[in-house]
Amino acid sequence: MWEKLLDQSSNDFSAGRSPLLRPGLFLLVPLVRFYFRLTVSGTEHLSADNTPMLFALNHQSYLDPALFSCALPSKTRRNIWFIAKDKYFNSPFRRCFASICQVMLISPKMRLRQAVPAMAGILKQGRHLAIFPEGTRTRSGIPGEFKKTFAIIAAATGYPVIPVVIQGAFESAERGKKFPRRVPVTITILPPIATNGLDPAEVAEKTESAIRQAVER
């Protein structure tokens, strides 16, 4: 079923590289790494040839996309697109900012049959895709329930899922904080989960289990 739907994932949405992203990151990366004393492990699990990867991350704060981008090697961070709800980018300026930062905006009202091909199209264009399966930031620091959209995309396309664990961002910028505190942040890139032959429920269960186990260590 989903494989047929992915035939609809044409290039209607162009997941190109934003020309303004690179100079912006040139300034942002050293600042973020210094302020949050950013520690990164597991970069050996990234594809050496920049083959498209689907990242599934726990969601601790509004800083997570920037923290994750700054943790990646430059060739990977310039090739990654994030998914976000369009309600947070409800003005022309914010939508322009999302485009510069390589963020695809998805409406919560969009049916799954529309959203899945649109997001899978990013991978088909040779880009990486980063999704927060919880769909919202944690209220306690503990990962919430994972939605299966990312797993449907992974199972249908055959691309592996790379689980990513963010720790420290919740303590730095939990809900209600306007300015982040200087708290050490750790990004852990876990081994990829092969998806060939698995159904979405199995992909989601393996990914969620890997992330929860890493958070609880």
C-alpha atoms as a PDB file:
ATOM      1  CA  MET A   1       0.000   0.000   0.000  1.00  0.00           C
ATOM      2  CA  TRP A   2       2.593   2.568   1.102  1.00  0.00           C
ATOM      3  CA  GLU A   3       4.994   1.632  -1.684  1.00  0.00           C
ATOM      4  CA  LYS A   4       2.309   2.566  -4.229  1.00  0.00           C
ATOM      5  CA  LEU A   5       1.632   5.839  -2.446  1.00  0.00           C
ATOM      6  CA  LEU A   6       5.321   6.717  -2.593  1.00  0.00           C
ATOM      7  CA  ASP A   7       5.039   6.773  -6.349  1.00  0.00           C
ATOM      8  CA  GLN A   8       3.229  10.074  -5.729  1.00  0.00           C
ATOM      9  CA  SER A   9       6.309  11.533  -4.037  1.00  0.00           C
ATOM     10  CA  SER A  10       7.523  13.461  -7.036  1.00  0.00           C
ATOM     11  CA  ASN A  11       9.604  16.607  -6.999  1.00  0.00           C
ATOM     12  CA  ASP A  12       6.600  18.864  -6.344  1.00  0.00           C
ATOM     13  CA  PHE A  13       8.494  19.898  -3.202  1.00  0.00           C
ATOM     14  CA  SER A  14      12.061  20.855  -4.017  1.00  0.00           C
ATOM     15  CA  ALA A  15      14.409  19.815  -1.225  1.00  0.00           C
ATOM     16  CA  GLY A  16      17.360  21.777  -2.501  1.00  0.00           C
ATOM     17  CA  ARG A  17      20.210  23.229  -0.510  1.00  0.00           C
ATOM     18  CA  SER A  18      19.502  26.669   0.894  1.00  0.00           C
ATOM     19  CA  PRO A  19      22.227  29.108  -0.257  1.00  0.00           C
ATOM     20  CA  LEU A  20      21.929  31.036   3.027  1.00  0.00           C
ATOM     21  CA  LEU A  21      22.220  27.997   5.295  1.00  0.00           C
ATOM     22  CA  ARG A  22      25.958  27.513   4.980  1.00  0.00           C
ATOM     23  CA  PRO A  23      27.007  31.069   5.985  1.00  0.00           C
ATOM     24  CA  GLY A  24      24.467  30.982   8.820  1.00  0.00           C
ATOM     25  CA  LEU A  25      25.855  27.724  10.163  1.00  0.00           C
ATOM     26  CA  PHE A  26      29.397  29.052   9.826  1.00  0.00           C
ATOM     27  CA  LEU A  27      28.533  31.475  12.638  1.00  0.00           C
ATOM     28  CA  LEU A  28      26.098  29.264  14.567  1.00  0.00           C
ATOM     29  CA  VAL A  29      28.104  26.030  14.879  1.00  0.00           C
ATOM     30  CA  PRO A  30      31.032  27.314  16.979  1.00  0.00           C
ATOM     31  CA  LEU A  31      28.687  29.398  19.141  1.00  0.00           C
ATOM     32  CA  VAL A  32      26.376  26.457  19.884  1.00  0.00           C
ATOM     33  CA  ARG A  33      29.235  24.042  20.486  1.00  0.00           C
ATOM     34  CA  PHE A  34      30.864  26.451  22.927  1.00  0.00           C
ATOM     35  CA  TYR A  35      27.765  27.626  24.794  1.00  0.00           C
ATOM     36  CA  PHE A  36      26.305  24.142  25.318  1.00  0.00           C
ATOM     37  CA  ARG A  37      29.672  22.390  25.629  1.00  0.00           C
ATOM     38  CA  LEU A  38      28.303  20.089  22.974  1.00  0.00           C
ATOM     39  CA  THR A  39      29.499  16.477  23.094  1.00  0.00           C
ATOM     40  CA  VAL A  40      28.862  14.195  20.129  1.00  0.00           C
ATOM     41  CA  SER A  41      29.337  10.446  19.781  1.00  0.00           C
ATOM     42  CA  GLY A  42      28.425   7.875  17.147  1.00  0.00           C
ATOM     43  CA  THR A  43      29.330   9.827  14.008  1.00  0.00           C
ATOM     44  CA  GLU A  44      30.832   6.593  12.671  1.00  0.00           C
ATOM     45  CA  HIS A  45      27.244   5.440  12.100  1.00  0.00           C
ATOM     46  CA  LEU A  46      26.662   8.133   9.458  1.00  0.00           C
ATOM     47  CA  SER A  47      26.838   7.081   5.819  1.00  0.00           C
ATOM     48  CA  ALA A  48      30.308   7.718   4.452  1.00  0.00           C
ATOM     49  CA  ASP A  49      29.052   8.447   0.936  1.00  0.00           C
ATOM     50  CA  ASN A  50      26.213  10.741   2.049  1.00  0.00           C
ATOM     51  CA  THR A  51      23.536   8.188   1.080  1.00  0.00           C
ATOM     52  CA  PRO A  52      20.139   9.466   2.299  1.00  0.00           C
ATOM     53  CA  MET A  53      19.483   8.759   5.981  1.00  0.00           C
ATOM     54  CA  LEU A  54      16.307   8.997   8.040  1.00  0.00           C
ATOM     55  CA  PHE A  55      17.052  10.313  11.529  1.00  0.00           C
ATOM     56  CA  ALA A  56      14.591   9.737  14.391  1.00  0.00           C
ATOM     57  CA  LEU A  57      15.285  11.965  17.415  1.00  0.00           C
ATOM     58  CA  ASN A  58      13.807  12.368  20.875  1.00  0.00           C
ATOM     59  CA  HIS A  59      12.397  15.872  21.318  1.00  0.00           C
ATOM     60  CA  GLN A  60      13.571  17.796  24.402  1.00  0.00           C
ATOM     61  CA  SER A  61      13.369  21.453  23.426  1.00  0.00           C
ATOM     62  CA  TYR A  62      12.922  24.016  20.663  1.00  0.00           C
ATOM     63  CA  LEU A  63      16.719  23.986  20.354  1.00  0.00           C
ATOM     64  CA  ASP A  64      16.890  20.384  19.153  1.00  0.00           C
ATOM     65  CA  PRO A  65      17.156  20.992  15.372  1.00  0.00           C
ATOM     66  CA  ALA A  66      19.960  23.528  15.840  1.00  0.00           C
ATOM     67  CA  LEU A  67      21.775  21.327  18.359  1.00  0.00           C
ATOM     68  CA  PHE A  68      21.588  18.292  16.092  1.00  0.00           C
ATOM     69  CA  SER A  69      22.690  20.236  13.007  1.00  0.00           C
ATOM     70  CA  CYS A  70      25.671  21.650  14.858  1.00  0.00           C
ATOM     71  CA  ALA A  71      26.651  18.146  15.998  1.00  0.00           C
ATOM     72  CA  LEU A  72      26.905  16.808  12.446  1.00  0.00           C
ATOM     73  CA  PRO A  73      29.801  16.914   9.986  1.00  0.00           C
ATOM     74  CA  SER A  74      29.420  19.798   7.548  1.00  0.00           C
ATOM     75  CA  LYS A  75      28.641  17.632   4.499  1.00  0.00           C
ATOM     76  CA  THR A  76      25.774  15.989   6.411  1.00  0.00           C
ATOM     77  CA  ARG A  77      24.288  19.103   8.005  1.00  0.00           C
ATOM     78  CA  ARG A  78      24.115  20.912   4.657  1.00  0.00           C
ATOM     79  CA  ASN A  79      22.129  18.013   3.211  1.00  0.00           C
ATOM     80  CA  ILE A  80      19.496  17.553   5.933  1.00  0.00           C
ATOM     81  CA  TRP A  81      15.838  18.598   6.043  1.00  0.00           C
ATOM     82  CA  PHE A  82      13.698  18.753   9.170  1.00  0.00           C
ATOM     83  CA  ILE A  83       9.941  18.325   9.539  1.00  0.00           C
ATOM     84  CA  ALA A  84       7.916  20.828  11.588  1.00  0.00           C
ATOM     85  CA  LYS A  85       4.288  21.765  12.159  1.00  0.00           C
ATOM     86  CA  ASP A  86       3.242  24.741  10.075  1.00  0.00           C
ATOM     87  CA  LYS A  87       1.391  26.358  12.999  1.00  0.00           C
ATOM     88  CA  TYR A  88       4.755  27.431  14.451  1.00  0.00           C
ATOM     89  CA  PHE A  89       5.648  29.258  11.217  1.00  0.00           C
ATOM     90  CA  ASN A  90       2.484  31.321  10.792  1.00  0.00           C
ATOM     91  CA  SER A  91       3.933  34.458   9.229  1.00  0.00           C
ATOM     92  CA  PRO A  92       5.773  35.188   5.970  1.00  0.00           C
ATOM     93  CA  PHE A  93       8.986  35.898   7.899  1.00  0.00           C
ATOM     94  CA  ARG A  94       8.821  32.617   9.805  1.00  0.00           C
ATOM     95  CA  ARG A  95       8.028  30.643   6.672  1.00  0.00           C
ATOM     96  CA  CYS A  96      10.992  32.260   4.948  1.00  0.00           C
ATOM     97  CA  PHE A  97      13.160  31.358   7.951  1.00  0.00           C
ATOM     98  CA  ALA A  98      11.952  27.746   7.717  1.00  0.00           C
ATOM     99  CA  SER A  99      12.919  27.614   4.058  1.00  0.00           C
ATOM    100  CA  ILE A 100      16.395  28.991   4.791  1.00  0.00           C
ATOM    101  CA  CYS A 101      16.853  26.404   7.557  1.00  0.00           C
ATOM    102  CA  GLN A 102      15.658  23.561   5.295  1.00  0.00           C
ATOM    103  CA  VAL A 103      12.466  22.805   7.197  1.00  0.00           C
ATOM    104  CA  MET A 104       9.461  21.228   5.494  1.00  0.00           C
ATOM    105  CA  LEU A 105       6.233  22.474   7.038  1.00  0.00           C
ATOM    106  CA  ILE A 106       3.464  19.926   7.536  1.00  0.00           C
ATOM    107  CA  SER A 107      -0.092  20.736   8.583  1.00  0.00           C
ATOM    108  CA  PRO A 108      -1.490  18.556  11.385  1.00  0.00           C
ATOM    109  CA  LYS A 109      -4.675  18.491   9.295  1.00  0.00           C
ATOM    110  CA  MET A 110      -2.852  16.838   6.403  1.00  0.00           C
ATOM    111  CA  ARG A 111      -3.913  13.245   5.888  1.00  0.00           C
ATOM    112  CA  LEU A 112      -1.248  10.562   6.287  1.00  0.00           C
ATOM    113  CA  ARG A 113      -1.740   9.546   2.658  1.00  0.00           C
ATOM    114  CA  GLN A 114      -0.587  13.051   1.679  1.00  0.00           C
ATOM    115  CA  ALA A 115       2.117  13.587   4.303  1.00  0.00           C
ATOM    116  CA  VAL A 116       4.015  10.332   3.814  1.00  0.00           C
ATOM    117  CA  PRO A 117       4.726  10.782   0.072  1.00  0.00           C
ATOM    118  CA  ALA A 118       5.678  14.423   0.630  1.00  0.00           C
ATOM    119  CA  MET A 119       8.239  13.571   3.305  1.00  0.00           C
ATOM    120  CA  ALA A 120       9.538  10.518   1.457  1.00  0.00           C
ATOM    121  CA  GLY A 121      10.146  12.781  -1.518  1.00  0.00           C
ATOM    122  CA  ILE A 122      12.972  14.435   0.420  1.00  0.00           C
ATOM    123  CA  LEU A 123      14.807  11.098   0.623  1.00  0.00           C
ATOM    124  CA  LYS A 124      14.101  10.395  -3.047  1.00  0.00           C
ATOM    125  CA  GLN A 125      15.825  13.670  -3.902  1.00  0.00           C
ATOM    126  CA  GLY A 126      18.986  12.434  -2.190  1.00  0.00           C
ATOM    127  CA  ARG A 127      18.592  14.452   1.026  1.00  0.00           C
ATOM    128  CA  HIS A 128      18.564  13.333   4.639  1.00  0.00           C
ATOM    129  CA  LEU A 129      15.350  13.550   6.651  1.00  0.00           C
ATOM    130  CA  ALA A 130      15.125  14.315  10.391  1.00  0.00           C
ATOM    131  CA  ILE A 131      11.889  13.595  12.256  1.00  0.00           C
ATOM    132  CA  PHE A 132      10.882  13.876  15.917  1.00  0.00           C
ATOM    133  CA  PRO A 133       8.524  10.868  16.255  1.00  0.00           C
ATOM    134  CA  GLU A 134       6.980  12.182  19.487  1.00  0.00           C
ATOM    135  CA  GLY A 135       5.478  15.020  17.470  1.00  0.00           C
ATOM    136  CA  THR A 136       5.924  17.470  20.347  1.00  0.00           C
ATOM    137  CA  ARG A 137       8.442  18.403  23.029  1.00  0.00           C
ATOM    138  CA  THR A 138       8.618  16.346  26.196  1.00  0.00           C
ATOM    139  CA  ARG A 139       7.083  17.828  29.333  1.00  0.00           C
ATOM    140  CA  SER A 140       9.160  15.726  31.726  1.00  0.00           C
ATOM    141  CA  GLY A 141      12.454  14.975  30.000  1.00  0.00           C
ATOM    142  CA  ILE A 142      11.259  11.420  29.306  1.00  0.00           C
ATOM    143  CA  PRO A 143      10.400  10.581  25.682  1.00  0.00           C
ATOM    144  CA  GLY A 144       6.687  10.474  24.943  1.00  0.00           C
ATOM    145  CA  GLU A 145       4.798   8.041  22.751  1.00  0.00           C
ATOM    146  CA  PHE A 146       6.252   7.644  19.271  1.00  0.00           C
ATOM    147  CA  LYS A 147       4.038   8.183  16.247  1.00  0.00           C
ATOM    148  CA  LYS A 148       4.685   5.781  13.365  1.00  0.00           C
ATOM    149  CA  THR A 149       4.903   8.161  10.399  1.00  0.00           C
ATOM    150  CA  PHE A 150       8.710   7.939  10.257  1.00  0.00           C
ATOM    151  CA  ALA A 151       8.506   4.142  10.400  1.00  0.00           C
ATOM    152  CA  ILE A 152       6.053   4.022   7.502  1.00  0.00           C
ATOM    153  CA  ILE A 153       8.451   6.099   5.405  1.00  0.00           C
ATOM    154  CA  ALA A 154      11.437   3.950   6.377  1.00  0.00           C
ATOM    155  CA  ALA A 155       9.705   0.608   5.805  1.00  0.00           C
ATOM    156  CA  ALA A 156       8.301   1.699   2.444  1.00  0.00           C
ATOM    157  CA  THR A 157      11.565   3.188   1.120  1.00  0.00           C
ATOM    158  CA  GLY A 158      13.987   0.666   2.646  1.00  0.00           C
ATOM    159  CA  TYR A 159      16.236   3.375   4.057  1.00  0.00           C
ATOM    160  CA  PRO A 160      17.662   2.606   7.506  1.00  0.00           C
ATOM    161  CA  VAL A 161      16.596   4.604  10.535  1.00  0.00           C
ATOM    162  CA  ILE A 162      19.333   6.312  12.542  1.00  0.00           C
ATOM    163  CA  PRO A 163      18.119   6.781  16.145  1.00  0.00           C
ATOM    164  CA  VAL A 164      19.502   9.908  17.818  1.00  0.00           C
ATOM    165  CA  VAL A 165      19.410  10.743  21.519  1.00  0.00           C
ATOM    166  CA  ILE A 166      19.548  14.339  22.760  1.00  0.00           C
ATOM    167  CA  GLN A 167      20.284  14.868  26.456  1.00  0.00           C
ATOM    168  CA  GLY A 168      20.646  18.118  28.385  1.00  0.00           C
ATOM    169  CA  ALA A 169      18.465  20.261  26.116  1.00  0.00           C
ATOM    170  CA  PHE A 170      15.424  19.776  28.360  1.00  0.00           C
ATOM    171  CA  GLU A 171      17.331  21.118  31.375  1.00  0.00           C
ATOM    172  CA  SER A 172      18.593  24.026  29.290  1.00  0.00           C
ATOM    173  CA  ALA A 173      15.357  25.076  27.624  1.00  0.00           C
ATOM    174  CA  GLU A 174      12.356  23.295  29.070  1.00  0.00           C
ATOM    175  CA  ARG A 175       8.892  24.607  28.224  1.00  0.00           C
ATOM    176  CA  GLY A 176       8.356  28.176  29.423  1.00  0.00           C
ATOM    177  CA  LYS A 177      12.002  29.244  29.313  1.00  0.00           C
ATOM    178  CA  LYS A 178      12.650  32.137  26.947  1.00  0.00           C
ATOM    179  CA  PHE A 179      16.444  31.936  27.057  1.00  0.00           C
ATOM    180  CA  PRO A 180      18.396  28.676  27.373  1.00  0.00           C
ATOM    181  CA  ARG A 181      20.626  28.087  30.369  1.00  0.00           C
ATOM    182  CA  ARG A 182      24.218  27.026  29.783  1.00  0.00           C
ATOM    183  CA  VAL A 183      23.849  23.302  30.394  1.00  0.00           C
ATOM    184  CA  PRO A 184      26.075  20.645  28.758  1.00  0.00           C
ATOM    185  CA  VAL A 185      24.287  18.885  25.907  1.00  0.00           C
ATOM    186  CA  THR A 186      25.102  15.424  24.588  1.00  0.00           C
ATOM    187  CA  ILE A 187      24.126  14.086  21.162  1.00  0.00           C
ATOM    188  CA  THR A 188      24.393  10.321  20.719  1.00  0.00           C
ATOM    189  CA  ILE A 189      23.993   8.832  17.251  1.00  0.00           C
ATOM    190  CA  LEU A 190      23.017   5.186  17.641  1.00  0.00           C
ATOM    191  CA  PRO A 191      23.667   2.320  15.190  1.00  0.00           C
ATOM    192  CA  PRO A 192      21.346   2.268  12.173  1.00  0.00           C
ATOM    193  CA  ILE A 193      18.265   0.056  12.188  1.00  0.00           C
ATOM    194  CA  ALA A 194      17.821  -1.880   8.945  1.00  0.00           C
ATOM    195  CA  THR A 195      14.234  -1.680   7.712  1.00  0.00           C
ATOM    196  CA  ASN A 196      14.157  -4.131   4.799  1.00  0.00           C
ATOM    197  CA  GLY A 197      11.606  -6.847   5.492  1.00  0.00           C
ATOM    198  CA  LEU A 198      10.144  -5.070   8.525  1.00  0.00           C
ATOM    199  CA  ASP A 199       6.682  -3.587   8.817  1.00  0.00           C
ATOM    200  CA  PRO A 200       6.226  -0.062  10.228  1.00  0.00           C
ATOM    201  CA  ALA A 201       5.210  -1.328  13.671  1.00  0.00           C
ATOM    202  CA  GLU A 202       8.475  -3.289  13.982  1.00  0.00           C
ATOM    203  CA  VAL A 203      10.555  -0.334  12.805  1.00  0.00           C
ATOM    204  CA  ALA A 204       8.849   1.986  15.300  1.00  0.00           C
ATOM    205  CA  GLU A 205       9.257  -0.486  18.170  1.00  0.00           C
ATOM    206  CA  LYS A 206      12.972  -1.055  17.494  1.00  0.00           C
ATOM    207  CA  THR A 207      13.652   2.671  17.174  1.00  0.00           C
ATOM    208  CA  GLU A 208      11.699   3.690  20.262  1.00  0.00           C
ATOM    209  CA  SER A 209      13.306   0.912  22.326  1.00  0.00           C
ATOM    210  CA  ALA A 210      16.826   1.965  21.257  1.00  0.00           C
ATOM    211  CA  ILE A 211      16.190   5.608  22.164  1.00  0.00           C
ATOM    212  CA  ARG A 212      14.531   4.850  25.510  1.00  0.00           C
ATOM    213  CA  GLN A 213      17.325   2.495  26.544  1.00  0.00           C
ATOM    214  CA  ALA A 214      19.942   5.137  25.716  1.00  0.00           C
ATOM    215  CA  VAL A 215      18.039   7.837  27.635  1.00  0.00           C
ATOM    216  CA  GLU A 216      17.783   5.617  30.709  1.00  0.00           C
ATOM    217  CA  ARG A 217      21.501   4.787  30.880  1.00  0.00           C
END
